Amino acid sequence: MITIYGITSPYASRVRAALIHKGLPFQHVNVNMTIKSAEFKGLTLTETIPVVEDNGLVICDSLHALMYLDEQYPHTYPMLGNNMPTKIKILSVIAAVDKISSFFGPLYVEKWNREEILRQNHSFHKAFRYNKEQKEDFRADVQYRLSKIAASVQGKYCTEQFSAADAAILALLKQLDFFGEPLSEFWQDWKKIVLEDTKIAAMFAPAEEKGVREI
């Protein structure tokens, strides 16, 4: 069975979306990211979640995991598209989404008051929040980048069918909701319509999901 290390991460949700659409059985292992265990550190060079394990292979990046799943299980639902132009578009949208997500570090620090923990973990370079002006610039930049992504949505999805691009956008919008950041009417409507599909909505693990164990 395929194992996803990590449950609530937006990147774990992308992998979960792929596995659900592919009809592949999987399980979650919860990971304590505040105090990383030796077992978890030994799994991955990046020490980030998700980590995906399948048949003795360990993949430590969500995009790499999506590529692996499409190639390893070619007769299942193609999350990265059936042809090169479609794949390029999906990967381009994911890159645009990840650019926005790269700005979120200070928001997590603020949300969880993580400065002291980060200092104790010798991560002083991560222990900062946005000031008022920086947050205003952050919001303007996010809205600009979201408007560019919106131009990639054709009808209901970015491509002819639900893909890793749509999963990445949904996970991003959930992050923005989590931080209390405003969404345009376009994205509110889009999210509502897409999540009416219960199979797609299942990409987000339910609150009661604890995983088969914790490391």
N, C-alpha and C. Protein backbone atom coordinates (compact mmCIF):
# COMPACT_ATOMS: atom_id res chain seq x y z
N MET A 1 0.84 -1.21 0.00
CA MET A 1 0.00 0.00 0.00
C MET A 1 0.87 1.25 0.00
N ILE A 2 0.43 2.26 -0.72
CA ILE A 2 1.17 3.52 -0.77
C ILE A 2 0.96 4.29 0.53
N THR A 3 2.04 4.85 1.07
CA THR A 3 1.98 5.60 2.31
C THR A 3 2.32 7.06 2.05
N ILE A 4 1.46 7.95 2.56
CA ILE A 4 1.74 9.38 2.53
C ILE A 4 2.12 9.79 3.95
N TYR A 5 3.32 10.29 4.13
CA TYR A 5 3.74 10.84 5.41
C TYR A 5 3.32 12.30 5.43
N GLY A 6 2.41 12.62 6.34
CA GLY A 6 1.78 13.94 6.39
C GLY A 6 0.31 13.81 6.02
N ILE A 7 -0.52 14.62 6.67
CA ILE A 7 -1.97 14.52 6.44
C ILE A 7 -2.56 15.85 5.97
N THR A 8 -2.35 16.91 6.75
CA THR A 8 -3.07 18.16 6.49
C THR A 8 -2.30 19.11 5.57
N SER A 9 -1.08 18.80 5.22
CA SER A 9 -0.30 19.68 4.33
C SER A 9 -1.03 19.86 3.00
N PRO A 10 -1.04 21.08 2.46
CA PRO A 10 -1.64 21.29 1.13
C PRO A 10 -0.96 20.46 0.06
N TYR A 11 0.33 20.20 0.25
CA TYR A 11 1.05 19.38 -0.73
C TYR A 11 0.66 17.91 -0.59
N ALA A 12 0.39 17.48 0.63
CA ALA A 12 -0.12 16.12 0.83
C ALA A 12 -1.49 15.97 0.18
N SER A 13 -2.29 17.03 0.22
CA SER A 13 -3.63 17.00 -0.40
C SER A 13 -3.54 16.78 -1.90
N ARG A 14 -2.52 17.32 -2.54
CA ARG A 14 -2.35 17.12 -3.98
C ARG A 14 -2.12 15.64 -4.28
N VAL A 15 -1.25 15.01 -3.48
CA VAL A 15 -0.97 13.59 -3.69
C VAL A 15 -2.21 12.76 -3.38
N ARG A 16 -2.91 13.12 -2.33
CA ARG A 16 -4.13 12.42 -1.97
C ARG A 16 -5.16 12.50 -3.11
N ALA A 17 -5.27 13.68 -3.73
CA ALA A 17 -6.19 13.84 -4.86
C ALA A 17 -5.82 12.87 -5.99
N ALA A 18 -4.53 12.75 -6.25
CA ALA A 18 -4.08 11.85 -7.32
C ALA A 18 -4.43 10.41 -7.00
N LEU A 19 -4.15 9.98 -5.79
CA LEU A 19 -4.39 8.58 -5.42
C LEU A 19 -5.88 8.25 -5.44
N ILE A 20 -6.71 9.18 -5.02
CA ILE A 20 -8.16 8.96 -5.05
C ILE A 20 -8.64 8.82 -6.48
N HIS A 21 -8.19 9.70 -7.36
CA HIS A 21 -8.63 9.64 -8.75
C HIS A 21 -8.07 8.42 -9.47
N LYS A 22 -6.91 7.98 -9.07
CA LYS A 22 -6.31 6.80 -9.68
C LYS A 22 -6.89 5.50 -9.12
N GLY A 23 -7.60 5.60 -8.00
CA GLY A 23 -8.17 4.41 -7.39
C GLY A 23 -7.12 3.53 -6.72
N LEU A 24 -6.03 4.14 -6.27
CA LEU A 24 -4.95 3.38 -5.63
C LEU A 24 -5.11 3.46 -4.11
N PRO A 25 -5.03 2.33 -3.41
CA PRO A 25 -5.16 2.35 -1.96
C PRO A 25 -3.96 3.06 -1.31
N PHE A 26 -4.23 3.78 -0.23
CA PHE A 26 -3.16 4.49 0.45
C PHE A 26 -3.50 4.66 1.92
N GLN A 27 -2.47 5.00 2.68
CA GLN A 27 -2.65 5.29 4.09
C GLN A 27 -1.79 6.51 4.45
N HIS A 28 -2.18 7.17 5.55
CA HIS A 28 -1.42 8.30 6.03
C HIS A 28 -0.63 7.91 7.28
N VAL A 29 0.55 8.46 7.41
CA VAL A 29 1.29 8.47 8.67
C VAL A 29 1.40 9.93 9.10
N ASN A 30 0.95 10.23 10.32
CA ASN A 30 1.04 11.59 10.81
C ASN A 30 2.49 11.91 11.18
N VAL A 31 2.92 13.13 10.91
CA VAL A 31 4.29 13.53 11.18
C VAL A 31 4.30 14.75 12.10
N ASN A 32 5.04 14.65 13.19
CA ASN A 32 5.22 15.78 14.10
C ASN A 32 6.31 16.67 13.49
N MET A 33 5.89 17.79 12.91
CA MET A 33 6.84 18.66 12.23
C MET A 33 7.52 19.66 13.17
N THR A 34 7.03 19.74 14.41
CA THR A 34 7.67 20.61 15.40
C THR A 34 8.91 19.95 15.98
N ILE A 35 8.77 18.68 16.32
CA ILE A 35 9.90 17.88 16.81
C ILE A 35 10.05 16.71 15.85
N LYS A 36 10.89 16.85 14.86
CA LYS A 36 11.03 15.83 13.83
C LYS A 36 11.80 14.63 14.38
N SER A 37 11.20 13.46 14.21
CA SER A 37 11.81 12.24 14.73
C SER A 37 12.98 11.80 13.86
N ALA A 38 13.83 10.97 14.44
CA ALA A 38 14.95 10.41 13.68
C ALA A 38 14.43 9.57 12.52
N GLU A 39 13.30 8.89 12.72
CA GLU A 39 12.73 8.09 11.64
C GLU A 39 12.35 8.96 10.46
N PHE A 40 11.69 10.09 10.73
CA PHE A 40 11.29 10.97 9.64
C PHE A 40 12.50 11.58 8.96
N LYS A 41 13.46 12.05 9.74
CA LYS A 41 14.67 12.64 9.15
C LYS A 41 15.41 11.64 8.28
N GLY A 42 15.33 10.38 8.66
CA GLY A 42 16.00 9.35 7.88
C GLY A 42 15.30 9.02 6.58
N LEU A 43 14.03 9.41 6.47
CA LEU A 43 13.26 9.12 5.25
C LEU A 43 13.59 10.06 4.11
N THR A 44 13.90 11.32 4.43
CA THR A 44 13.87 12.35 3.41
C THR A 44 15.03 13.33 3.52
N LEU A 45 15.58 13.72 2.38
CA LEU A 45 16.64 14.72 2.36
C LEU A 45 16.10 16.10 2.71
N THR A 46 14.86 16.37 2.34
CA THR A 46 14.31 17.71 2.51
C THR A 46 13.70 17.94 3.88
N GLU A 47 13.30 16.86 4.58
CA GLU A 47 12.63 16.94 5.89
C GLU A 47 11.35 17.78 5.81
N THR A 48 10.63 17.63 4.70
CA THR A 48 9.35 18.30 4.51
C THR A 48 8.30 17.24 4.20
N ILE A 49 7.03 17.63 4.31
CA ILE A 49 5.94 16.73 3.94
C ILE A 49 5.23 17.29 2.71
N PRO A 50 4.68 16.36 1.91
CA PRO A 50 4.59 14.92 2.14
C PRO A 50 5.85 14.17 1.69
N VAL A 51 6.01 13.00 2.27
CA VAL A 51 6.90 11.99 1.73
C VAL A 51 6.01 10.84 1.29
N VAL A 52 6.25 10.31 0.11
CA VAL A 52 5.44 9.21 -0.41
C VAL A 52 6.32 7.98 -0.55
N GLU A 53 5.81 6.87 -0.02
CA GLU A 53 6.55 5.61 -0.06
C GLU A 53 5.73 4.56 -0.80
N ASP A 54 6.33 3.90 -1.78
CA ASP A 54 5.64 2.89 -2.57
C ASP A 54 6.63 1.84 -3.04
N ASN A 55 6.37 0.61 -2.67
CA ASN A 55 7.22 -0.51 -3.12
C ASN A 55 8.70 -0.27 -2.82
N GLY A 56 8.97 0.26 -1.63
CA GLY A 56 10.35 0.48 -1.23
C GLY A 56 10.97 1.76 -1.77
N LEU A 57 10.25 2.48 -2.63
CA LEU A 57 10.74 3.75 -3.15
C LEU A 57 10.19 4.90 -2.32
N VAL A 58 11.03 5.88 -2.06
CA VAL A 58 10.65 7.03 -1.24
C VAL A 58 10.80 8.30 -2.07
N ILE A 59 9.71 9.05 -2.20
CA ILE A 59 9.70 10.29 -2.98
C ILE A 59 9.41 11.43 -2.02
N CYS A 60 10.29 12.43 -2.01
CA CYS A 60 10.16 13.48 -0.98
C CYS A 60 9.75 14.84 -1.55
N ASP A 61 8.88 14.82 -2.55
CA ASP A 61 8.34 16.06 -3.10
C ASP A 61 7.01 15.72 -3.76
N SER A 62 6.00 16.56 -3.56
CA SER A 62 4.67 16.23 -4.07
C SER A 62 4.63 16.18 -5.59
N LEU A 63 5.30 17.12 -6.27
CA LEU A 63 5.30 17.10 -7.72
C LEU A 63 6.02 15.87 -8.26
N HIS A 64 7.14 15.52 -7.65
CA HIS A 64 7.85 14.31 -8.05
C HIS A 64 6.98 13.08 -7.83
N ALA A 65 6.21 13.11 -6.73
CA ALA A 65 5.30 11.99 -6.45
C ALA A 65 4.23 11.87 -7.53
N LEU A 66 3.69 13.01 -7.97
CA LEU A 66 2.67 12.99 -9.03
C LEU A 66 3.26 12.43 -10.33
N MET A 67 4.47 12.85 -10.64
CA MET A 67 5.13 12.33 -11.84
C MET A 67 5.35 10.82 -11.73
N TYR A 68 5.79 10.39 -10.55
CA TYR A 68 6.02 8.97 -10.34
C TYR A 68 4.73 8.17 -10.50
N LEU A 69 3.66 8.65 -9.90
CA LEU A 69 2.39 7.90 -9.93
C LEU A 69 1.85 7.79 -11.36
N ASP A 70 1.96 8.88 -12.14
CA ASP A 70 1.50 8.81 -13.53
C ASP A 70 2.33 7.81 -14.34
N GLU A 71 3.64 7.77 -14.07
CA GLU A 71 4.50 6.88 -14.84
C GLU A 71 4.42 5.43 -14.36
N GLN A 72 4.37 5.26 -13.04
CA GLN A 72 4.36 3.92 -12.46
C GLN A 72 3.02 3.21 -12.68
N TYR A 73 1.94 3.98 -12.74
CA TYR A 73 0.60 3.42 -12.92
C TYR A 73 -0.03 4.06 -14.15
N PRO A 74 0.48 3.74 -15.35
CA PRO A 74 0.08 4.44 -16.58
C PRO A 74 -1.36 4.23 -17.00
N HIS A 75 -2.01 3.20 -16.51
CA HIS A 75 -3.39 2.93 -16.94
C HIS A 75 -4.41 3.51 -15.96
N THR A 76 -3.94 4.35 -15.04
CA THR A 76 -4.84 5.01 -14.10
C THR A 76 -5.05 6.46 -14.55
N TYR A 77 -5.88 7.16 -13.81
CA TYR A 77 -6.25 8.55 -14.14
C TYR A 77 -4.99 9.41 -14.25
N PRO A 78 -4.79 10.13 -15.36
CA PRO A 78 -3.56 10.92 -15.56
C PRO A 78 -3.66 12.31 -14.93
N MET A 79 -3.04 12.50 -13.80
CA MET A 79 -3.13 13.80 -13.12
C MET A 79 -2.31 14.89 -13.80
N LEU A 80 -1.34 14.49 -14.61
CA LEU A 80 -0.50 15.47 -15.31
C LEU A 80 -0.79 15.51 -16.80
N GLY A 81 -1.93 14.98 -17.21
CA GLY A 81 -2.35 15.10 -18.60
C GLY A 81 -1.92 13.94 -19.48
N ASN A 82 -2.54 13.87 -20.65
CA ASN A 82 -2.31 12.78 -21.61
C ASN A 82 -1.36 13.14 -22.73
N ASN A 83 -0.99 14.42 -22.85
CA ASN A 83 -0.11 14.83 -23.94
C ASN A 83 0.78 15.96 -23.45
N MET A 84 1.82 16.27 -24.22
CA MET A 84 2.81 17.23 -23.78
C MET A 84 2.26 18.65 -23.60
N PRO A 85 1.45 19.20 -24.55
CA PRO A 85 0.91 20.55 -24.32
C PRO A 85 0.09 20.64 -23.03
N THR A 86 -0.72 19.61 -22.75
CA THR A 86 -1.52 19.61 -21.53
C THR A 86 -0.62 19.53 -20.31
N LYS A 87 0.39 18.67 -20.38
CA LYS A 87 1.31 18.53 -19.24
C LYS A 87 2.03 19.83 -18.97
N ILE A 88 2.47 20.51 -20.01
CA ILE A 88 3.17 21.78 -19.83
C ILE A 88 2.27 22.81 -19.16
N LYS A 89 1.01 22.85 -19.58
CA LYS A 89 0.09 23.81 -18.95
C LYS A 89 -0.13 23.48 -17.48
N ILE A 90 -0.32 22.21 -17.17
CA ILE A 90 -0.53 21.80 -15.77
C ILE A 90 0.68 22.15 -14.93
N LEU A 91 1.87 21.85 -15.43
CA LEU A 91 3.09 22.15 -14.68
C LEU A 91 3.29 23.65 -14.52
N SER A 92 2.89 24.42 -15.52
CA SER A 92 3.01 25.88 -15.43
C SER A 92 2.10 26.44 -14.35
N VAL A 93 0.87 25.92 -14.27
CA VAL A 93 -0.06 26.37 -13.23
C VAL A 93 0.48 25.99 -11.85
N ILE A 94 0.99 24.78 -11.72
CA ILE A 94 1.55 24.35 -10.43
C ILE A 94 2.71 25.24 -10.02
N ALA A 95 3.56 25.61 -10.98
CA ALA A 95 4.69 26.50 -10.69
C ALA A 95 4.19 27.86 -10.20
N ALA A 96 3.13 28.37 -10.82
CA ALA A 96 2.57 29.66 -10.42
C ALA A 96 1.97 29.59 -9.02
N VAL A 97 1.31 28.48 -8.72
CA VAL A 97 0.74 28.27 -7.38
C VAL A 97 1.86 28.18 -6.34
N ASP A 98 2.91 27.44 -6.66
CA ASP A 98 4.00 27.26 -5.71
C ASP A 98 4.75 28.57 -5.46
N LYS A 99 4.78 29.45 -6.46
CA LYS A 99 5.39 30.75 -6.25
C LYS A 99 4.63 31.52 -5.18
N ILE A 100 3.30 31.49 -5.22
CA ILE A 100 2.51 32.16 -4.19
C ILE A 100 2.75 31.51 -2.83
N SER A 101 2.74 30.18 -2.79
CA SER A 101 2.93 29.47 -1.53
C SER A 101 4.28 29.77 -0.90
N SER A 102 5.27 30.11 -1.71
CA SER A 102 6.60 30.40 -1.18
C SER A 102 6.62 31.65 -0.31
N PHE A 103 5.56 32.47 -0.38
CA PHE A 103 5.48 33.69 0.42
C PHE A 103 4.86 33.45 1.81
N PHE A 104 4.42 32.21 2.10
CA PHE A 104 3.57 31.98 3.27
C PHE A 104 4.32 31.80 4.58
N GLY A 105 5.64 31.63 4.54
CA GLY A 105 6.38 31.36 5.77
C GLY A 105 6.07 32.32 6.91
N PRO A 106 6.16 33.64 6.70
CA PRO A 106 5.87 34.58 7.78
C PRO A 106 4.42 34.50 8.28
N LEU A 107 3.49 34.07 7.41
CA LEU A 107 2.10 33.94 7.84
C LEU A 107 1.94 32.78 8.82
N TYR A 108 2.66 31.68 8.57
CA TYR A 108 2.63 30.57 9.51
C TYR A 108 3.25 30.98 10.85
N VAL A 109 4.33 31.74 10.80
CA VAL A 109 4.96 32.22 12.04
C VAL A 109 3.96 33.03 12.84
N GLU A 110 3.24 33.92 12.16
CA GLU A 110 2.25 34.75 12.84
C GLU A 110 1.07 33.94 13.35
N LYS A 111 0.58 33.01 12.53
CA LYS A 111 -0.60 32.23 12.91
C LYS A 111 -0.36 31.41 14.17
N TRP A 112 0.83 30.82 14.27
CA TRP A 112 1.12 29.89 15.38
C TRP A 112 2.10 30.46 16.40
N ASN A 113 2.44 31.74 16.28
CA ASN A 113 3.43 32.34 17.20
C ASN A 113 4.67 31.47 17.32
N ARG A 114 5.28 31.19 16.18
CA ARG A 114 6.34 30.19 16.13
C ARG A 114 7.76 30.77 16.29
N GLU A 115 7.90 32.05 16.55
CA GLU A 115 9.24 32.63 16.61
C GLU A 115 10.15 31.90 17.60
N GLU A 116 9.66 31.68 18.81
CA GLU A 116 10.51 31.08 19.84
C GLU A 116 10.89 29.65 19.48
N ILE A 117 9.93 28.88 18.96
CA ILE A 117 10.23 27.50 18.56
C ILE A 117 11.29 27.48 17.47
N LEU A 118 11.15 28.37 16.49
CA LEU A 118 12.12 28.43 15.40
C LEU A 118 13.50 28.82 15.91
N ARG A 119 13.55 29.73 16.87
CA ARG A 119 14.85 30.12 17.44
C ARG A 119 15.48 28.95 18.18
N GLN A 120 14.65 28.23 18.94
CA GLN A 120 15.16 27.08 19.68
C GLN A 120 15.69 26.00 18.74
N ASN A 121 15.09 25.93 17.55
CA ASN A 121 15.52 24.94 16.55
C ASN A 121 16.62 25.48 15.64
N HIS A 122 17.22 26.62 16.05
CA HIS A 122 18.30 27.24 15.29
C HIS A 122 17.86 27.60 13.87
N SER A 123 16.61 28.09 13.77
CA SER A 123 16.07 28.54 12.48
C SER A 123 15.73 30.02 12.56
N PHE A 124 16.69 30.82 13.04
CA PHE A 124 16.47 32.25 13.18
C PHE A 124 16.09 32.90 11.85
N HIS A 125 16.61 32.35 10.74
CA HIS A 125 16.34 32.93 9.43
C HIS A 125 14.89 32.79 9.01
N LYS A 126 14.12 31.96 9.73
CA LYS A 126 12.70 31.78 9.41
C LYS A 126 11.79 32.49 10.42
N ALA A 127 12.36 33.02 11.49
CA ALA A 127 11.56 33.52 12.61
C ALA A 127 11.21 34.99 12.44
N PHE A 128 10.41 35.30 11.44
CA PHE A 128 9.98 36.68 11.25
C PHE A 128 8.57 36.73 10.69
N ARG A 129 7.89 37.87 10.93
CA ARG A 129 6.56 38.11 10.40
C ARG A 129 6.62 39.28 9.43
N TYR A 130 5.58 39.39 8.61
CA TYR A 130 5.46 40.57 7.76
C TYR A 130 5.01 41.76 8.61
N ASN A 131 5.59 42.93 8.35
CA ASN A 131 5.04 44.13 8.96
C ASN A 131 3.86 44.62 8.11
N LYS A 132 3.25 45.72 8.50
CA LYS A 132 2.03 46.17 7.83
C LYS A 132 2.26 46.42 6.34
N GLU A 133 3.34 47.11 6.00
CA GLU A 133 3.62 47.42 4.61
C GLU A 133 3.93 46.17 3.81
N GLN A 134 4.69 45.26 4.40
CA GLN A 134 5.02 44.01 3.72
C GLN A 134 3.77 43.18 3.46
N LYS A 135 2.86 43.16 4.44
CA LYS A 135 1.64 42.38 4.26
C LYS A 135 0.77 42.98 3.15
N GLU A 136 0.72 44.30 3.07
CA GLU A 136 -0.04 44.94 1.99
C GLU A 136 0.55 44.57 0.63
N ASP A 137 1.88 44.60 0.54
CA ASP A 137 2.54 44.22 -0.71
C ASP A 137 2.31 42.74 -1.02
N PHE A 138 2.35 41.91 0.01
CA PHE A 138 2.09 40.48 -0.15
C PHE A 138 0.70 40.26 -0.74
N ARG A 139 -0.30 40.92 -0.19
CA ARG A 139 -1.67 40.74 -0.66
C ARG A 139 -1.83 41.21 -2.10
N ALA A 140 -1.22 42.33 -2.43
CA ALA A 140 -1.31 42.82 -3.81
C ALA A 140 -0.65 41.85 -4.78
N ASP A 141 0.48 41.31 -4.38
CA ASP A 141 1.20 40.37 -5.24
C ASP A 141 0.39 39.08 -5.42
N VAL A 142 -0.21 38.60 -4.34
CA VAL A 142 -1.01 37.38 -4.42
C VAL A 142 -2.20 37.59 -5.35
N GLN A 143 -2.89 38.70 -5.21
CA GLN A 143 -4.05 38.96 -6.07
C GLN A 143 -3.63 39.06 -7.54
N TYR A 144 -2.49 39.69 -7.80
CA TYR A 144 -1.99 39.79 -9.17
C TYR A 144 -1.70 38.40 -9.73
N ARG A 145 -1.02 37.57 -8.96
CA ARG A 145 -0.65 36.24 -9.43
C ARG A 145 -1.89 35.35 -9.58
N LEU A 146 -2.86 35.50 -8.68
CA LEU A 146 -4.10 34.73 -8.81
C LEU A 146 -4.86 35.12 -10.07
N SER A 147 -4.81 36.39 -10.43
CA SER A 147 -5.51 36.83 -11.64
C SER A 147 -4.88 36.20 -12.88
N LYS A 148 -3.56 36.01 -12.86
CA LYS A 148 -2.90 35.35 -13.98
C LYS A 148 -3.28 33.87 -14.04
N ILE A 149 -3.37 33.23 -12.87
CA ILE A 149 -3.78 31.83 -12.84
C ILE A 149 -5.22 31.69 -13.33
N ALA A 150 -6.07 32.64 -12.95
CA ALA A 150 -7.48 32.60 -13.36
C ALA A 150 -7.61 32.57 -14.88
N ALA A 151 -6.70 33.21 -15.56
CA ALA A 151 -6.75 33.23 -17.03
C ALA A 151 -6.47 31.85 -17.62
N SER A 152 -5.90 30.95 -16.79
CA SER A 152 -5.62 29.59 -17.26
C SER A 152 -6.81 28.66 -17.12
N VAL A 153 -7.83 29.09 -16.37
CA VAL A 153 -9.00 28.25 -16.15
C VAL A 153 -9.92 28.37 -17.35
N GLN A 154 -10.18 27.24 -17.99
CA GLN A 154 -11.04 27.21 -19.17
C GLN A 154 -12.28 26.40 -18.83
N GLY A 155 -13.38 27.10 -18.60
CA GLY A 155 -14.57 26.39 -18.17
C GLY A 155 -14.44 26.00 -16.71
N LYS A 156 -14.64 24.73 -16.43
CA LYS A 156 -14.64 24.28 -15.03
C LYS A 156 -13.23 24.03 -14.52
N TYR A 157 -12.33 23.56 -15.39
CA TYR A 157 -10.98 23.19 -14.96
C TYR A 157 -9.92 23.91 -15.80
N CYS A 158 -8.68 23.73 -15.42
CA CYS A 158 -7.57 24.32 -16.19
C CYS A 158 -7.40 23.62 -17.53
N THR A 159 -7.74 22.33 -17.57
CA THR A 159 -7.67 21.57 -18.82
C THR A 159 -9.03 20.91 -19.03
N GLU A 160 -9.09 19.91 -19.87
CA GLU A 160 -10.38 19.30 -20.20
C GLU A 160 -11.00 18.53 -19.03
N GLN A 161 -10.15 18.11 -18.08
CA GLN A 161 -10.66 17.38 -16.93
C GLN A 161 -9.85 17.78 -15.70
N PHE A 162 -10.35 17.39 -14.53
CA PHE A 162 -9.67 17.69 -13.29
C PHE A 162 -8.24 17.17 -13.34
N SER A 163 -7.29 17.98 -12.89
CA SER A 163 -5.89 17.60 -12.96
C SER A 163 -5.14 18.08 -11.72
N ALA A 164 -3.85 17.80 -11.72
CA ALA A 164 -3.00 18.25 -10.61
C ALA A 164 -2.97 19.77 -10.51
N ALA A 165 -3.21 20.46 -11.62
CA ALA A 165 -3.26 21.93 -11.58
C ALA A 165 -4.44 22.40 -10.73
N ASP A 166 -5.60 21.80 -10.95
CA ASP A 166 -6.79 22.17 -10.18
C ASP A 166 -6.61 21.81 -8.70
N ALA A 167 -6.01 20.65 -8.44
CA ALA A 167 -5.77 20.24 -7.06
C ALA A 167 -4.84 21.23 -6.37
N ALA A 168 -3.81 21.70 -7.08
CA ALA A 168 -2.88 22.67 -6.51
C ALA A 168 -3.58 23.98 -6.19
N ILE A 169 -4.45 24.43 -7.11
CA ILE A 169 -5.18 25.67 -6.87
C ILE A 169 -6.10 25.53 -5.66
N LEU A 170 -6.83 24.42 -5.58
CA LEU A 170 -7.73 24.21 -4.45
C LEU A 170 -6.97 24.22 -3.13
N ALA A 171 -5.82 23.59 -3.10
CA ALA A 171 -5.02 23.56 -1.87
C ALA A 171 -4.53 24.96 -1.52
N LEU A 172 -4.16 25.74 -2.53
CA LEU A 172 -3.73 27.12 -2.30
C LEU A 172 -4.87 27.97 -1.73
N LEU A 173 -6.05 27.84 -2.31
CA LEU A 173 -7.20 28.62 -1.82
C LEU A 173 -7.54 28.25 -0.39
N LYS A 174 -7.38 26.98 -0.05
CA LYS A 174 -7.63 26.56 1.33
C LYS A 174 -6.62 27.19 2.27
N GLN A 175 -5.36 27.28 1.84
CA GLN A 175 -4.34 27.94 2.65
C GLN A 175 -4.70 29.41 2.87
N LEU A 176 -5.13 30.08 1.82
CA LEU A 176 -5.48 31.49 1.95
C LEU A 176 -6.66 31.67 2.89
N ASP A 177 -7.64 30.77 2.83
CA ASP A 177 -8.75 30.79 3.78
C ASP A 177 -8.23 30.62 5.21
N PHE A 178 -7.31 29.70 5.37
CA PHE A 178 -6.73 29.42 6.69
C PHE A 178 -6.08 30.66 7.28
N PHE A 179 -5.43 31.45 6.43
CA PHE A 179 -4.76 32.66 6.91
C PHE A 179 -5.70 33.86 6.99
N GLY A 180 -6.96 33.66 6.59
CA GLY A 180 -7.91 34.77 6.62
C GLY A 180 -7.71 35.77 5.51
N GLU A 181 -7.06 35.34 4.42
CA GLU A 181 -6.82 36.24 3.30
C GLU A 181 -8.03 36.23 2.36
N PRO A 182 -8.38 37.38 1.82
CA PRO A 182 -9.59 37.47 0.98
C PRO A 182 -9.40 36.79 -0.38
N LEU A 183 -10.51 36.23 -0.88
CA LEU A 183 -10.53 35.64 -2.21
C LEU A 183 -11.50 36.44 -3.08
N SER A 184 -11.15 36.57 -4.34
CA SER A 184 -12.03 37.28 -5.27
C SER A 184 -13.30 36.48 -5.48
N GLU A 185 -14.32 37.12 -6.01
CA GLU A 185 -15.59 36.44 -6.29
C GLU A 185 -15.38 35.30 -7.27
N PHE A 186 -14.47 35.51 -8.24
CA PHE A 186 -14.19 34.46 -9.22
C PHE A 186 -13.72 33.18 -8.51
N TRP A 187 -12.74 33.32 -7.62
CA TRP A 187 -12.19 32.13 -6.96
C TRP A 187 -13.16 31.52 -5.96
N GLN A 188 -13.95 32.34 -5.30
CA GLN A 188 -14.97 31.79 -4.40
C GLN A 188 -15.96 30.94 -5.17
N ASP A 189 -16.42 31.46 -6.31
CA ASP A 189 -17.40 30.72 -7.13
C ASP A 189 -16.76 29.46 -7.71
N TRP A 190 -15.54 29.58 -8.21
CA TRP A 190 -14.86 28.43 -8.81
C TRP A 190 -14.69 27.32 -7.78
N LYS A 191 -14.21 27.66 -6.62
CA LYS A 191 -13.99 26.67 -5.57
C LYS A 191 -15.29 25.97 -5.19
N LYS A 192 -16.34 26.73 -5.05
CA LYS A 192 -17.64 26.16 -4.67
C LYS A 192 -18.12 25.15 -5.71
N ILE A 193 -18.00 25.51 -6.99
CA ILE A 193 -18.46 24.63 -8.06
C ILE A 193 -17.63 23.35 -8.12
N VAL A 194 -16.30 23.49 -8.07
CA VAL A 194 -15.43 22.32 -8.19
C VAL A 194 -15.59 21.37 -7.00
N LEU A 195 -15.74 21.92 -5.81
CA LEU A 195 -15.83 21.07 -4.62
C LEU A 195 -17.20 20.43 -4.44
N GLU A 196 -18.14 20.74 -5.33
CA GLU A 196 -19.41 20.01 -5.30
C GLU A 196 -19.21 18.55 -5.71
N ASP A 197 -18.12 18.29 -6.40
CA ASP A 197 -17.75 16.91 -6.75
C ASP A 197 -17.12 16.27 -5.50
N THR A 198 -17.81 15.32 -4.91
CA THR A 198 -17.35 14.73 -3.64
C THR A 198 -16.02 14.00 -3.79
N LYS A 199 -15.75 13.49 -4.97
CA LYS A 199 -14.48 12.81 -5.21
C LYS A 199 -13.33 13.81 -5.14
N ILE A 200 -13.55 15.00 -5.69
CA ILE A 200 -12.53 16.04 -5.62
C ILE A 200 -12.40 16.56 -4.19
N ALA A 201 -13.53 16.78 -3.54
CA ALA A 201 -13.51 17.30 -2.17
C ALA A 201 -12.76 16.37 -1.22
N ALA A 202 -12.74 15.08 -1.54
CA ALA A 202 -12.08 14.10 -0.68
C ALA A 202 -10.56 14.25 -0.68
N MET A 203 -10.01 15.14 -1.52
CA MET A 203 -8.57 15.37 -1.50
C MET A 203 -8.13 15.95 -0.16
N PHE A 204 -9.04 16.57 0.55
CA PHE A 204 -8.72 17.12 1.86
C PHE A 204 -9.12 16.11 2.93
N ALA A 205 -8.15 15.64 3.69
CA ALA A 205 -8.40 14.63 4.71
C ALA A 205 -9.38 15.17 5.75
N PRO A 206 -10.32 14.35 6.20
CA PRO A 206 -11.26 14.80 7.24
C PRO A 206 -10.54 15.09 8.55
N ALA A 207 -11.14 15.94 9.36
CA ALA A 207 -10.51 16.37 10.61
C ALA A 207 -10.19 15.20 11.53
N GLU A 208 -10.99 14.13 11.45
CA GLU A 208 -10.79 12.99 12.35
C GLU A 208 -9.69 12.04 11.87
N GLU A 209 -9.14 12.28 10.68
CA GLU A 209 -8.08 11.43 10.16
C GLU A 209 -6.81 11.61 11.00
N LYS A 210 -6.36 10.54 11.65
CA LYS A 210 -5.18 10.60 12.52
C LYS A 210 -3.99 9.84 11.94
N GLY A 211 -4.22 9.11 10.86
CA GLY A 211 -3.16 8.30 10.30
C GLY A 211 -3.03 6.98 11.02
N VAL A 212 -2.31 6.06 10.42
CA VAL A 212 -2.17 4.73 11.03
C VAL A 212 -1.21 4.77 12.21
N ARG A 213 -0.34 5.78 12.25
CA ARG A 213 0.56 6.00 13.39
C ARG A 213 1.16 7.39 13.26
N GLU A 214 1.98 7.77 14.21
CA GLU A 214 2.62 9.08 14.17
C GLU A 214 4.11 8.92 14.38
N ILE A 215 4.90 9.70 13.64
CA ILE A 215 6.34 9.69 13.84
C ILE A 215 6.82 11.12 14.05
